Amino acid sequence: MAAKKQKMLKITLVKSPIGAVPKNRATIEAMGLNKLNKSVLLPDNDATQGMIRKVGYMLKVEDAE
C-alpha cells in the first residue's frame, strides 16, 4: 500500500521580526526562519497552521508542489 503524501507549505519570512513581541520572534525561530526572505518547507498540519495564524503578518505562505 502506498503511503499518503503529506501536503507541504512553502513559508517565506518577508518582514523583519526586529521589534516584534518576543513570543512571536520565538515562533519565527521555531519555524526555522532566521533571515529575511528565507523559505522553509513545513507540513500542513494543525501545529504549523497555528504558528502561521500567530505571525502571519510577517510571512508569505504558498502551497509547495
N, C-alpha and C. Protein backbone atom coordinates (compact mmCIF):
# COMPACT_ATOMS: atom_id res chain seq x y z
N MET A 1 0.84 -1.19 0.00
CA MET A 1 0.00 0.00 0.00
C MET A 1 0.88 1.24 0.00
N ALA A 2 0.51 2.20 -0.81
CA ALA A 2 1.28 3.44 -0.91
C ALA A 2 0.94 4.36 0.26
N ALA A 3 1.96 4.99 0.80
CA ALA A 3 1.75 5.93 1.89
C ALA A 3 1.16 7.22 1.33
N LYS A 4 0.27 7.83 2.10
CA LYS A 4 -0.34 9.08 1.68
C LYS A 4 0.69 10.20 1.79
N LYS A 5 0.87 10.94 0.69
CA LYS A 5 1.84 12.02 0.68
C LYS A 5 1.24 13.22 1.42
N GLN A 6 2.01 13.77 2.37
CA GLN A 6 1.53 14.89 3.16
C GLN A 6 1.70 16.20 2.41
N LYS A 7 0.69 17.05 2.48
CA LYS A 7 0.74 18.35 1.82
C LYS A 7 1.77 19.23 2.55
N MET A 8 2.57 19.96 1.78
CA MET A 8 3.60 20.82 2.35
C MET A 8 3.31 22.28 2.00
N LEU A 9 3.79 23.17 2.86
CA LEU A 9 3.65 24.61 2.65
C LEU A 9 5.03 25.24 2.54
N LYS A 10 5.20 26.15 1.60
CA LYS A 10 6.44 26.92 1.48
C LYS A 10 6.18 28.25 2.20
N ILE A 11 6.96 28.49 3.25
CA ILE A 11 6.77 29.67 4.08
C ILE A 11 8.01 30.54 3.98
N THR A 12 7.81 31.82 3.66
CA THR A 12 8.91 32.76 3.48
C THR A 12 8.75 33.92 4.46
N LEU A 13 9.86 34.30 5.11
CA LEU A 13 9.86 35.44 6.03
C LEU A 13 10.02 36.71 5.21
N VAL A 14 9.01 37.59 5.22
CA VAL A 14 9.06 38.80 4.40
C VAL A 14 9.11 40.09 5.23
N LYS A 15 8.94 39.99 6.54
CA LYS A 15 9.03 41.16 7.40
C LYS A 15 9.94 40.83 8.56
N SER A 16 10.82 41.75 8.89
CA SER A 16 11.79 41.52 9.95
C SER A 16 11.11 41.37 11.32
N PRO A 17 11.56 40.38 12.11
CA PRO A 17 11.00 40.22 13.46
C PRO A 17 11.60 41.17 14.48
N ILE A 18 12.53 42.03 14.06
CA ILE A 18 13.09 43.03 14.98
C ILE A 18 11.96 43.93 15.44
N GLY A 19 11.83 44.11 16.73
CA GLY A 19 10.78 44.94 17.28
C GLY A 19 9.47 44.21 17.51
N ALA A 20 9.40 42.95 17.10
CA ALA A 20 8.18 42.16 17.32
C ALA A 20 8.13 41.68 18.77
N VAL A 21 6.96 41.25 19.19
CA VAL A 21 6.78 40.68 20.52
C VAL A 21 7.72 39.48 20.67
N PRO A 22 8.44 39.35 21.78
CA PRO A 22 9.39 38.23 21.95
C PRO A 22 8.78 36.85 21.68
N LYS A 23 7.53 36.65 22.06
CA LYS A 23 6.86 35.37 21.82
C LYS A 23 6.74 35.10 20.31
N ASN A 24 6.45 36.15 19.54
CA ASN A 24 6.34 36.00 18.09
C ASN A 24 7.71 35.76 17.46
N ARG A 25 8.74 36.39 17.99
CA ARG A 25 10.10 36.16 17.49
C ARG A 25 10.49 34.70 17.72
N ALA A 26 10.11 34.16 18.87
CA ALA A 26 10.42 32.76 19.18
C ALA A 26 9.67 31.82 18.23
N THR A 27 8.45 32.18 17.86
CA THR A 27 7.67 31.37 16.92
C THR A 27 8.34 31.35 15.56
N ILE A 28 8.81 32.50 15.10
CA ILE A 28 9.52 32.60 13.81
C ILE A 28 10.76 31.71 13.84
N GLU A 29 11.51 31.77 14.93
CA GLU A 29 12.72 30.96 15.08
C GLU A 29 12.39 29.47 15.11
N ALA A 30 11.30 29.11 15.77
CA ALA A 30 10.89 27.71 15.86
C ALA A 30 10.49 27.15 14.49
N MET A 31 10.07 28.02 13.59
CA MET A 31 9.72 27.58 12.24
C MET A 31 10.96 27.38 11.38
N GLY A 32 12.11 27.78 11.89
CA GLY A 32 13.35 27.61 11.14
C GLY A 32 13.68 28.81 10.26
N LEU A 33 13.02 29.93 10.53
CA LEU A 33 13.28 31.15 9.75
C LEU A 33 14.17 32.08 10.56
N ASN A 34 15.36 32.36 10.04
CA ASN A 34 16.27 33.22 10.79
C ASN A 34 16.80 34.40 9.97
N LYS A 35 16.48 34.44 8.69
CA LYS A 35 16.91 35.56 7.84
C LYS A 35 15.74 36.00 6.97
N LEU A 36 15.74 37.27 6.63
CA LEU A 36 14.71 37.82 5.76
C LEU A 36 14.76 37.15 4.40
N ASN A 37 13.60 36.87 3.82
CA ASN A 37 13.44 36.22 2.52
C ASN A 37 13.89 34.76 2.49
N LYS A 38 14.14 34.16 3.65
CA LYS A 38 14.46 32.73 3.70
C LYS A 38 13.15 31.95 3.66
N SER A 39 13.17 30.82 2.96
CA SER A 39 11.98 29.97 2.84
C SER A 39 12.24 28.60 3.46
N VAL A 40 11.20 28.02 4.02
CA VAL A 40 11.26 26.66 4.56
C VAL A 40 10.02 25.89 4.10
N LEU A 41 10.15 24.58 4.02
CA LEU A 41 9.01 23.71 3.73
C LEU A 41 8.56 23.07 5.02
N LEU A 42 7.31 23.26 5.37
CA LEU A 42 6.75 22.67 6.59
C LEU A 42 5.47 21.94 6.24
N PRO A 43 5.16 20.86 6.98
CA PRO A 43 3.92 20.12 6.71
C PRO A 43 2.69 20.96 7.04
N ASP A 44 1.64 20.76 6.28
CA ASP A 44 0.39 21.48 6.52
C ASP A 44 -0.41 20.74 7.57
N ASN A 45 -0.10 21.01 8.84
CA ASN A 45 -0.82 20.37 9.94
C ASN A 45 -1.30 21.44 10.92
N ASP A 46 -1.96 21.02 11.98
CA ASP A 46 -2.53 21.97 12.93
C ASP A 46 -1.47 22.82 13.61
N ALA A 47 -0.32 22.23 13.95
CA ALA A 47 0.74 22.98 14.62
C ALA A 47 1.27 24.10 13.72
N THR A 48 1.53 23.76 12.47
CA THR A 48 2.03 24.76 11.53
C THR A 48 0.98 25.85 11.28
N GLN A 49 -0.27 25.45 11.14
CA GLN A 49 -1.34 26.43 10.91
C GLN A 49 -1.46 27.40 12.09
N GLY A 50 -1.28 26.90 13.31
CA GLY A 50 -1.33 27.76 14.49
C GLY A 50 -0.20 28.77 14.50
N MET A 51 1.00 28.33 14.11
CA MET A 51 2.14 29.26 14.04
C MET A 51 1.90 30.32 12.98
N ILE A 52 1.36 29.91 11.84
CA ILE A 52 1.07 30.86 10.76
C ILE A 52 0.03 31.88 11.22
N ARG A 53 -0.97 31.42 11.97
CA ARG A 53 -2.00 32.32 12.46
C ARG A 53 -1.41 33.38 13.39
N LYS A 54 -0.42 32.99 14.21
CA LYS A 54 0.20 33.91 15.17
C LYS A 54 1.04 34.98 14.50
N VAL A 55 1.85 34.59 13.51
CA VAL A 55 2.83 35.52 12.92
C VAL A 55 2.62 35.68 11.42
N GLY A 56 1.42 35.47 10.96
CA GLY A 56 1.12 35.53 9.54
C GLY A 56 1.43 36.86 8.89
N TYR A 57 1.40 37.93 9.67
CA TYR A 57 1.67 39.26 9.11
C TYR A 57 3.14 39.41 8.68
N MET A 58 4.01 38.49 9.11
CA MET A 58 5.43 38.54 8.74
C MET A 58 5.78 37.52 7.66
N LEU A 59 4.80 36.73 7.22
CA LEU A 59 5.09 35.60 6.34
C LEU A 59 4.37 35.68 5.01
N LYS A 60 4.92 34.97 4.04
CA LYS A 60 4.23 34.69 2.77
C LYS A 60 4.10 33.18 2.72
N VAL A 61 2.89 32.68 2.56
CA VAL A 61 2.63 31.25 2.59
C VAL A 61 2.12 30.80 1.22
N GLU A 62 2.75 29.75 0.66
CA GLU A 62 2.34 29.19 -0.62
C GLU A 62 2.26 27.68 -0.49
N ASP A 63 1.49 27.06 -1.39
CA ASP A 63 1.47 25.60 -1.47
C ASP A 63 2.75 25.13 -2.15
N ALA A 64 3.39 24.12 -1.59
CA ALA A 64 4.56 23.53 -2.22
C ALA A 64 4.09 22.38 -3.10
N GLU A 65 4.57 22.32 -4.28
CA GLU A 65 4.15 21.27 -5.23
C GLU A 65 4.88 20.00 -4.94
